[in-house]
Protein backbone atom coordinates (compact mmCIF):
# COMPACT_ATOMS: atom_id res chain seq x y z
CA UNK A 1 35.60 -73.69 6.14
CA UNK A 2 33.81 -74.69 8.72
CA UNK A 3 29.11 -74.62 8.25
CA UNK A 4 27.47 -72.47 11.08
CA UNK A 5 24.54 -74.79 12.24
CA UNK A 6 21.10 -72.12 11.85
CA UNK A 7 19.59 -70.51 14.83
CA UNK A 8 16.98 -72.55 16.29
CA UNK A 9 13.93 -71.16 14.74
CA UNK A 10 10.16 -72.26 15.41
CA UNK A 11 8.50 -73.62 12.91
CA UNK A 12 5.29 -71.65 12.72
CA UNK A 13 4.26 -67.73 11.87
CA UNK A 14 3.27 -67.08 15.26
CA UNK A 15 2.26 -69.32 18.33
CA UNK A 16 0.41 -66.41 20.29
CA UNK A 17 -0.52 -63.61 18.31
CA UNK A 18 -2.28 -61.61 21.34
CA UNK A 19 0.93 -61.63 22.88
CA UNK A 20 2.68 -60.06 19.93
CA UNK A 21 -0.36 -57.89 19.41
CA UNK A 22 0.45 -56.81 22.96
CA UNK A 23 4.54 -56.06 23.06
CA UNK A 24 4.20 -54.78 19.87
CA UNK A 25 2.18 -51.52 21.61
CA UNK A 26 4.03 -51.07 24.45
CA UNK A 27 7.15 -51.29 22.31
CA UNK A 28 5.85 -48.42 20.38
CA UNK A 29 4.63 -45.80 23.42
CA UNK A 30 8.72 -46.72 24.13
CA UNK A 31 9.89 -46.11 20.58
CA UNK A 32 11.44 -42.37 21.53
CA UNK A 33 13.43 -43.72 24.10
CA UNK A 34 14.31 -47.01 22.90
CA UNK A 35 15.60 -45.03 20.42
CA UNK A 36 17.82 -42.52 22.61
CA UNK A 37 19.17 -44.79 24.62
CA UNK A 38 20.48 -46.67 21.33
CA UNK A 39 22.11 -44.02 20.72
CA UNK A 40 23.32 -43.18 24.18
CA UNK A 41 24.50 -47.36 24.02
CA UNK A 42 26.30 -46.87 19.82
CA UNK A 43 28.06 -43.93 21.40
CA UNK A 44 29.62 -45.72 24.36
CA UNK A 45 30.36 -48.92 22.74
CA UNK A 46 32.31 -46.81 20.43
CA UNK A 47 35.70 -47.77 21.69
CA UNK A 48 36.96 -44.46 21.16
CA UNK A 49 33.94 -42.54 22.48
CA UNK A 50 34.15 -43.83 25.62
CA UNK A 51 38.09 -43.78 25.78
CA UNK A 52 37.87 -40.48 24.79
CA UNK A 53 35.02 -39.89 27.95
CA UNK A 54 37.32 -41.27 30.83
CA UNK A 55 40.68 -39.29 29.20
CA UNK A 56 38.36 -36.14 29.97
CA UNK A 57 36.42 -37.21 33.48
CA UNK A 58 39.87 -35.34 35.41
CA UNK A 59 40.58 -32.68 33.08
CA UNK A 60 40.32 -30.60 30.25
CA UNK A 61 42.00 -31.33 26.74
CA UNK A 62 43.18 -29.95 23.38
CA UNK A 63 42.08 -32.09 20.73
CA UNK A 64 45.85 -32.21 19.65
CA UNK A 65 46.73 -34.02 23.38
CA UNK A 66 43.16 -35.98 23.15
CA UNK A 67 45.02 -37.75 20.08
CA UNK A 68 47.71 -38.21 20.97
CA UNK A 69 46.56 -39.99 24.62
CA UNK A 70 44.15 -41.87 21.54
CA UNK A 71 46.97 -42.65 19.33
CA UNK A 72 44.80 -41.20 16.71
CA UNK A 73 44.66 -38.23 14.33
CA UNK A 74 44.12 -35.49 14.85
CA UNK A 75 41.11 -35.59 12.01
CA UNK A 76 39.09 -38.71 13.37
CA UNK A 77 39.82 -36.69 16.54
CA UNK A 78 37.87 -34.41 16.26
CA UNK A 79 35.59 -36.20 14.51
CA UNK A 80 34.85 -37.89 17.76
CA UNK A 81 35.00 -35.27 20.06
CA UNK A 82 32.35 -33.58 17.78
CA UNK A 83 30.10 -36.07 17.97
CA UNK A 84 30.37 -36.18 22.26
CA UNK A 85 29.88 -32.63 22.12
CA UNK A 86 26.64 -32.64 19.80
CA UNK A 87 25.00 -35.26 22.65
CA UNK A 88 26.10 -32.37 25.05
CA UNK A 89 28.06 -35.08 27.73
CA UNK A 90 31.56 -32.60 26.46
CA UNK A 91 32.20 -28.73 26.80
CA UNK A 92 34.46 -27.00 24.39
CA UNK A 93 36.30 -23.46 24.55
CA UNK A 94 38.34 -21.97 22.15
CA UNK A 95 41.69 -20.83 23.07
CA UNK A 96 43.22 -18.92 20.18
CA UNK A 97 44.58 -22.36 17.89
CA UNK A 98 43.56 -24.37 20.71
CA UNK A 99 40.71 -26.09 20.98
CA UNK A 100 39.82 -27.53 24.44
CA UNK A 101 37.10 -29.64 25.68
CA UNK A 102 35.78 -31.49 28.97
CA UNK A 103 33.16 -33.45 30.60
CA UNK A 104 30.64 -32.20 31.72
CA UNK A 105 30.30 -32.72 35.20
CA UNK A 106 28.21 -35.95 35.81
CA UNK A 107 26.98 -36.63 33.17
CA UNK A 108 28.77 -40.11 32.64
CA UNK A 109 26.45 -41.27 35.97
CA UNK A 110 23.24 -39.53 35.02
CA UNK A 111 23.47 -41.73 31.53
CA UNK A 112 24.43 -44.76 33.37
CA UNK A 113 21.76 -43.90 36.95
CA UNK A 114 18.98 -43.26 33.40
CA UNK A 115 19.65 -46.26 31.79
CA UNK A 116 19.87 -48.30 34.60
CA UNK A 117 16.42 -46.90 35.81
CA UNK A 118 15.23 -47.36 32.09
CA UNK A 119 15.99 -50.73 31.66
CA UNK A 120 16.29 -51.93 35.80
CA UNK A 121 12.45 -51.10 35.43
CA UNK A 122 11.60 -53.24 33.18
CA UNK A 123 13.73 -55.89 33.55
CA UNK A 124 12.86 -56.30 37.29
CA UNK A 125 9.14 -56.19 36.26
């Protein structure tokens, strides 16, 4: 097994405590928005959820068909669909024994635009 080199670290506790205090306060004021985007990026970072969103961007599909597209069990697919629905990204409808989902219009675009604004404004300044 190859030894892993430790990441470089400072040899003192804090070089600029006043800067640390300013940055901590700024982050504290943004905590709700940070938490919201962490959840968004967590959802988008899940390969199966992202595949579901892309599969449903063009048309409505029932749970069993989404499972077939993704090559997952119906239970696993249903779990992922429920998570996306709870975030308000999908519309669900029942038709007898069938449950259908579709991507709500402009959801992905709006999420990405807001994320771009949220991060872009901070990174660009």
